[in-house]
């Protein structure tokens, strides 16, 4: 949710309008915002992982490099949705409504806040189609060393990243 907030506030303050004359392209501006958010997400994940290993003795049976790759893909997919919202929304109010309607249901029903295994079957099916739910499912599979059913979720996450990223760059407006 931080990516749309940053871009829309820069637009509403007139900063993006001034940047229009600079050699900065929309893709570069959106990439820089994504990289900043990605660094914060990576640091948060690293702190959480160190705490899980040190405090709870967690050991991941899956491949660490596969997990990192899937984590990056999930992060890029989610960030691309944020970039799309930032490009489509012109005001802070519309951005707040859009991000609330997108992210809170995804967070609640994805299995990130409440384990998806406790949901009724119908709700579990809906959660399995949400981008964050797909990402969390594939992260769980890779962390447990189950690689047999990750092809479709990886394709779904990559498709979301490409489509939302393309929409974000093509619909971006400086003011």
Foldseek 3Di string as FASTA:
>chain_A
DVLLVVLLVCLVVLVLVVCVPPPDALLNVLVVSLVVVVVVVVVVVVVVVVCCCVPVVDDFPFDPVVLVVLVVLLSLLVSLLSLLLNLVDNHPVSSVVVCCVQPPVLCVQLCVVPRVVPDPPVSSVVNCPRSSNLSVVLSVCRSNHNDPPNPVSSVVSVVSSVVSNVSSNVRHDSD
